[in-house]
C-alpha cells in the first residue's frame, strides 16, 4: 500500500504557479514583431484572453523561458514564438510556442 500512496502524491508535471504571463506590447501586428520576445511584457495577472485568432494577447510560459523570474521577469530571447497570418484581417496572431507547457491566448480585432 505504501507504493500506492507514493504514486498518488507524485507531483504534477506542470505546476501552474511556476508559469509567467506576458502580454503583447509590440508596435504592430506583423510576423516579426509578434515573434520578437522583447515585444512581450510581464503581467502579474495570469488571466488569458478568450478571443478569435486575430491579434496576439497573452502567453504563459514556464520559468525555463524567463530571465530574472524573481525580480523583473522577461522572456528569454531563445523562446520560439511562431505567428500565423489571419488573412481576413491582415494581422498575425500567436500560433505556437516551443515551451511544451506554454499557453497561448489571442484576441479578436
N, C-alpha and C. Protein backbone atom coordinates (compact mmCIF):
# COMPACT_ATOMS: atom_id res chain seq x y z
N UNK A 1 0.80 -1.20 0.00
CA UNK A 1 0.00 0.00 0.00
C UNK A 1 0.84 1.26 0.00
N UNK A 2 2.00 1.23 0.55
CA UNK A 2 2.81 2.45 0.61
C UNK A 2 3.22 2.90 -0.78
N UNK A 3 3.45 1.97 -1.70
CA UNK A 3 3.81 2.39 -3.05
C UNK A 3 2.63 3.06 -3.74
N UNK A 4 1.41 2.62 -3.43
CA UNK A 4 0.24 3.27 -3.99
C UNK A 4 0.14 4.71 -3.50
N UNK A 5 0.38 4.94 -2.23
CA UNK A 5 0.34 6.29 -1.68
C UNK A 5 1.40 7.17 -2.32
N UNK A 6 2.56 6.63 -2.60
CA UNK A 6 3.62 7.41 -3.25
C UNK A 6 3.20 7.85 -4.64
N UNK A 7 2.51 6.97 -5.37
CA UNK A 7 2.06 7.33 -6.71
C UNK A 7 1.03 8.45 -6.66
N UNK A 8 0.14 8.43 -5.69
CA UNK A 8 -0.87 9.46 -5.55
C UNK A 8 -0.23 10.80 -5.23
N UNK A 9 0.83 10.81 -4.45
CA UNK A 9 1.48 12.04 -4.03
C UNK A 9 2.50 12.55 -5.03
N UNK A 10 2.70 11.84 -6.12
CA UNK A 10 3.68 12.27 -7.12
C UNK A 10 3.31 13.65 -7.64
N UNK A 11 4.28 14.58 -7.71
CA UNK A 11 3.95 15.93 -8.17
C UNK A 11 3.55 15.95 -9.64
N UNK A 12 2.69 16.88 -9.97
CA UNK A 12 2.27 17.02 -11.35
C UNK A 12 3.44 17.49 -12.20
N UNK A 13 3.39 17.17 -13.48
CA UNK A 13 4.46 17.58 -14.40
C UNK A 13 4.54 19.10 -14.51
N UNK A 14 3.41 19.77 -14.50
CA UNK A 14 3.37 21.21 -14.72
C UNK A 14 2.71 21.89 -13.55
N UNK A 15 3.44 22.74 -12.89
CA UNK A 15 2.92 23.49 -11.75
C UNK A 15 2.47 24.85 -12.25
N UNK A 16 1.17 25.11 -12.21
CA UNK A 16 0.61 26.37 -12.70
C UNK A 16 1.26 27.57 -12.02
N UNK A 17 1.68 27.42 -10.77
CA UNK A 17 2.31 28.52 -10.05
C UNK A 17 3.68 28.87 -10.60
N UNK A 18 4.27 27.98 -11.36
CA UNK A 18 5.59 28.23 -11.91
C UNK A 18 5.52 28.85 -13.31
N UNK A 19 4.34 29.29 -13.71
CA UNK A 19 4.22 29.90 -15.03
C UNK A 19 4.21 31.43 -14.92
N UNK A 20 4.60 32.06 -15.99
CA UNK A 20 4.69 33.52 -16.05
C UNK A 20 3.91 34.00 -17.26
N UNK A 21 3.09 35.02 -17.06
CA UNK A 21 2.26 35.56 -18.14
C UNK A 21 2.92 36.79 -18.74
N UNK A 22 2.82 36.88 -20.05
CA UNK A 22 3.34 38.02 -20.80
C UNK A 22 2.28 38.50 -21.77
N UNK A 23 2.19 39.83 -21.88
CA UNK A 23 1.20 40.44 -22.76
C UNK A 23 1.93 41.10 -23.93
N UNK A 24 1.31 41.00 -25.10
CA UNK A 24 1.93 41.58 -26.29
C UNK A 24 1.89 43.10 -26.22
N UNK A 25 3.05 43.71 -26.48
CA UNK A 25 3.18 45.17 -26.43
C UNK A 25 4.02 45.65 -27.61
N UNK A 26 3.82 45.04 -28.76
CA UNK A 26 4.61 45.40 -29.94
C UNK A 26 4.04 46.59 -30.67
N UNK A 27 4.83 47.12 -31.58
CA UNK A 27 4.42 48.32 -32.32
C UNK A 27 3.33 48.04 -33.36
N UNK A 28 3.23 46.80 -33.81
CA UNK A 28 2.23 46.44 -34.82
C UNK A 28 1.99 44.94 -34.77
N UNK A 29 1.26 44.43 -35.72
CA UNK A 29 0.89 43.02 -35.70
C UNK A 29 1.47 42.26 -36.89
N UNK A 30 2.71 42.63 -37.29
CA UNK A 30 3.37 41.87 -38.34
C UNK A 30 4.09 40.66 -37.73
N UNK A 31 4.50 39.74 -38.55
CA UNK A 31 5.07 38.49 -38.07
C UNK A 31 6.33 38.71 -37.23
N UNK A 32 7.24 39.53 -37.70
CA UNK A 32 8.49 39.76 -36.97
C UNK A 32 8.25 40.36 -35.59
N UNK A 33 7.30 41.28 -35.49
CA UNK A 33 7.00 41.92 -34.20
C UNK A 33 6.38 40.94 -33.22
N UNK A 34 5.44 40.13 -33.69
CA UNK A 34 4.77 39.17 -32.83
C UNK A 34 5.75 38.11 -32.32
N UNK A 35 6.70 37.71 -33.15
CA UNK A 35 7.65 36.66 -32.80
C UNK A 35 8.84 37.15 -31.97
N UNK A 36 8.98 38.45 -31.78
CA UNK A 36 10.10 39.03 -31.05
C UNK A 36 9.83 39.04 -29.54
N UNK A 37 10.66 38.33 -28.79
CA UNK A 37 10.45 38.18 -27.34
C UNK A 37 10.40 39.51 -26.61
N UNK A 38 11.17 40.48 -27.04
CA UNK A 38 11.21 41.77 -26.33
C UNK A 38 9.91 42.57 -26.48
N UNK A 39 9.01 42.16 -27.36
CA UNK A 39 7.72 42.83 -27.51
C UNK A 39 6.66 42.27 -26.56
N UNK A 40 7.06 41.37 -25.70
CA UNK A 40 6.15 40.77 -24.72
C UNK A 40 6.57 41.23 -23.34
N UNK A 41 5.64 41.80 -22.57
CA UNK A 41 5.94 42.32 -21.24
C UNK A 41 5.24 41.49 -20.17
N UNK A 42 5.93 41.32 -19.07
CA UNK A 42 5.40 40.54 -17.96
C UNK A 42 4.18 41.22 -17.36
N UNK A 43 3.17 40.42 -17.05
CA UNK A 43 1.99 40.89 -16.32
C UNK A 43 1.72 39.91 -15.18
N UNK A 44 1.37 40.45 -14.03
CA UNK A 44 1.10 39.60 -12.87
C UNK A 44 -0.21 38.84 -13.03
N UNK A 45 -1.14 39.41 -13.76
CA UNK A 45 -2.43 38.78 -13.98
C UNK A 45 -2.26 37.64 -14.98
N UNK A 46 -2.63 36.44 -14.59
CA UNK A 46 -2.46 35.29 -15.48
C UNK A 46 -3.73 34.93 -16.24
N UNK A 47 -4.75 35.80 -16.19
CA UNK A 47 -5.97 35.53 -16.97
C UNK A 47 -5.62 35.53 -18.45
N UNK A 48 -6.18 34.58 -19.16
CA UNK A 48 -5.95 34.51 -20.59
C UNK A 48 -7.07 35.22 -21.33
N UNK A 49 -6.78 35.65 -22.53
CA UNK A 49 -7.77 36.32 -23.37
C UNK A 49 -8.56 35.25 -24.12
N UNK A 50 -9.84 35.44 -24.21
CA UNK A 50 -10.68 34.49 -24.93
C UNK A 50 -11.20 35.16 -26.19
N UNK A 51 -10.43 35.05 -27.23
CA UNK A 51 -10.85 35.71 -28.45
C UNK A 51 -10.48 34.92 -29.68
N UNK A 52 -10.86 35.45 -30.80
CA UNK A 52 -10.56 34.82 -32.07
C UNK A 52 -9.07 34.95 -32.39
N UNK A 53 -8.62 34.20 -33.31
CA UNK A 53 -7.20 34.23 -33.71
C UNK A 53 -6.98 35.38 -34.69
N UNK A 54 -6.98 36.60 -34.15
CA UNK A 54 -6.78 37.79 -34.97
C UNK A 54 -5.51 38.53 -34.56
N UNK A 55 -5.36 38.80 -33.26
CA UNK A 55 -4.19 39.52 -32.75
C UNK A 55 -3.67 38.83 -31.50
N UNK A 56 -2.36 38.94 -31.24
CA UNK A 56 -1.82 38.33 -30.02
C UNK A 56 -2.29 39.06 -28.79
N UNK A 57 -2.42 38.33 -27.70
CA UNK A 57 -2.83 38.95 -26.44
C UNK A 57 -1.86 38.56 -25.33
N UNK A 58 -1.97 37.33 -24.83
CA UNK A 58 -1.11 36.87 -23.74
C UNK A 58 -0.60 35.46 -23.99
N UNK A 59 0.55 35.20 -23.42
CA UNK A 59 1.10 33.85 -23.40
C UNK A 59 1.55 33.56 -21.97
N UNK A 60 1.57 32.29 -21.62
CA UNK A 60 2.12 31.87 -20.34
C UNK A 60 3.20 30.85 -20.63
N UNK A 61 4.34 31.01 -19.97
CA UNK A 61 5.46 30.10 -20.17
C UNK A 61 6.03 29.67 -18.82
N UNK A 62 6.79 28.59 -18.84
CA UNK A 62 7.43 28.11 -17.63
C UNK A 62 8.67 28.95 -17.33
N UNK A 63 9.17 28.80 -16.15
CA UNK A 63 10.35 29.56 -15.70
C UNK A 63 11.57 29.32 -16.58
N UNK A 64 11.62 28.19 -17.29
CA UNK A 64 12.74 27.88 -18.18
C UNK A 64 12.92 28.94 -19.27
N UNK A 65 11.86 29.66 -19.59
CA UNK A 65 11.90 30.65 -20.67
C UNK A 65 11.87 32.09 -20.14
N UNK A 66 12.21 32.26 -18.86
CA UNK A 66 12.11 33.58 -18.23
C UNK A 66 13.44 33.98 -17.62
N UNK A 67 13.90 35.18 -17.94
CA UNK A 67 15.05 35.79 -17.27
C UNK A 67 14.55 36.50 -16.01
N UNK A 68 15.36 36.51 -14.96
CA UNK A 68 15.05 37.23 -13.71
C UNK A 68 13.66 36.94 -13.18
N UNK A 69 13.27 35.66 -13.03
CA UNK A 69 11.90 35.36 -12.61
C UNK A 69 11.51 35.94 -11.26
N UNK A 70 12.45 36.11 -10.33
CA UNK A 70 12.05 36.62 -9.02
C UNK A 70 12.09 38.13 -8.89
N UNK A 71 12.74 38.81 -9.81
CA UNK A 71 12.85 40.26 -9.68
C UNK A 71 12.09 41.02 -10.77
N UNK A 72 12.49 40.85 -12.00
CA UNK A 72 11.79 41.52 -13.10
C UNK A 72 11.71 40.55 -14.28
N UNK A 73 10.68 39.70 -14.29
CA UNK A 73 10.57 38.67 -15.32
C UNK A 73 10.54 39.24 -16.74
N UNK A 74 11.31 38.61 -17.60
CA UNK A 74 11.33 38.97 -19.02
C UNK A 74 11.51 37.69 -19.82
N UNK A 75 10.89 37.64 -20.98
CA UNK A 75 11.05 36.46 -21.83
C UNK A 75 12.50 36.33 -22.29
N UNK A 76 13.02 35.13 -22.27
CA UNK A 76 14.35 34.88 -22.82
C UNK A 76 14.27 34.97 -24.33
N UNK A 77 15.31 35.49 -24.94
CA UNK A 77 15.30 35.64 -26.40
C UNK A 77 15.35 34.29 -27.11
N UNK A 78 15.68 33.22 -26.39
CA UNK A 78 15.74 31.89 -27.01
C UNK A 78 14.36 31.29 -27.28
N UNK A 79 13.31 31.88 -26.71
CA UNK A 79 11.98 31.30 -26.92
C UNK A 79 11.58 31.44 -28.38
N UNK A 80 10.97 30.42 -28.88
CA UNK A 80 10.50 30.44 -30.26
C UNK A 80 8.99 30.64 -30.25
N UNK A 81 8.57 31.83 -30.65
CA UNK A 81 7.15 32.16 -30.77
C UNK A 81 6.83 32.14 -32.25
N UNK A 82 5.87 31.32 -32.65
CA UNK A 82 5.52 31.29 -34.07
C UNK A 82 4.18 32.00 -34.28
N UNK A 83 4.15 32.79 -35.32
CA UNK A 83 2.95 33.58 -35.64
C UNK A 83 2.39 33.13 -36.97
N UNK A 84 1.08 33.25 -37.10
CA UNK A 84 0.42 32.90 -38.35
C UNK A 84 -0.48 34.05 -38.78
N UNK A 85 -0.58 34.23 -40.07
CA UNK A 85 -1.36 35.33 -40.63
C UNK A 85 -2.85 35.04 -40.61
N UNK A 86 -3.62 36.00 -40.13
CA UNK A 86 -5.07 35.97 -40.27
C UNK A 86 -5.35 36.76 -41.55
N UNK A 87 -5.63 36.06 -42.62
CA UNK A 87 -5.75 36.70 -43.93
C UNK A 87 -6.92 37.67 -44.01
N UNK A 88 -7.97 37.42 -43.26
CA UNK A 88 -9.13 38.31 -43.29
C UNK A 88 -8.79 39.69 -42.73
N UNK A 89 -7.98 39.72 -41.67
CA UNK A 89 -7.66 40.99 -41.01
C UNK A 89 -6.26 41.51 -41.35
N UNK A 90 -5.42 40.68 -41.95
CA UNK A 90 -4.06 41.11 -42.29
C UNK A 90 -3.16 41.26 -41.07
N UNK A 91 -3.48 40.55 -40.00
CA UNK A 91 -2.68 40.60 -38.77
C UNK A 91 -2.15 39.21 -38.44
N UNK A 92 -1.09 39.19 -37.67
CA UNK A 92 -0.53 37.91 -37.20
C UNK A 92 -0.94 37.68 -35.76
N UNK A 93 -1.17 36.43 -35.42
CA UNK A 93 -1.50 36.01 -34.06
C UNK A 93 -0.54 34.89 -33.68
N UNK A 94 -0.47 34.57 -32.40
CA UNK A 94 0.44 33.53 -31.93
C UNK A 94 -0.18 32.17 -32.23
N UNK A 95 0.59 31.36 -32.94
CA UNK A 95 0.13 30.01 -33.26
C UNK A 95 0.82 28.97 -32.38
N UNK A 96 2.08 29.20 -32.01
CA UNK A 96 2.79 28.19 -31.25
C UNK A 96 3.94 28.74 -30.43
N UNK A 97 4.34 27.95 -29.42
CA UNK A 97 5.48 28.25 -28.55
C UNK A 97 6.31 26.99 -28.45
N UNK A 98 7.62 27.13 -28.28
CA UNK A 98 8.40 25.91 -28.09
C UNK A 98 8.42 25.44 -26.65
N UNK A 99 7.71 26.12 -25.75
CA UNK A 99 7.55 25.66 -24.38
C UNK A 99 6.40 24.65 -24.37
N UNK A 100 6.68 23.38 -24.10
CA UNK A 100 5.62 22.37 -24.15
C UNK A 100 4.51 22.59 -23.12
N UNK A 101 4.76 23.36 -22.09
CA UNK A 101 3.72 23.65 -21.09
C UNK A 101 3.10 25.03 -21.30
N UNK A 102 3.55 25.74 -22.31
CA UNK A 102 3.08 27.10 -22.55
C UNK A 102 1.62 27.17 -22.98
N UNK A 103 1.00 28.31 -22.68
CA UNK A 103 -0.38 28.56 -23.07
C UNK A 103 -0.43 29.82 -23.94
N UNK A 104 -1.31 29.80 -24.90
CA UNK A 104 -1.45 30.90 -25.85
C UNK A 104 -2.87 31.43 -25.78
N UNK A 105 -3.00 32.75 -25.82
CA UNK A 105 -4.34 33.32 -25.97
C UNK A 105 -4.24 34.53 -26.89
N UNK A 106 -5.10 34.54 -27.86
CA UNK A 106 -5.17 35.64 -28.81
C UNK A 106 -6.47 36.40 -28.57
N UNK A 107 -6.67 37.48 -29.30
CA UNK A 107 -7.89 38.26 -29.10
C UNK A 107 -8.48 38.65 -30.45
N UNK A 108 -9.75 39.03 -30.44
CA UNK A 108 -10.40 39.48 -31.68
C UNK A 108 -9.88 40.87 -32.06
N UNK A 109 -10.19 41.27 -33.24
CA UNK A 109 -9.75 42.56 -33.77
C UNK A 109 -10.29 43.66 -32.91
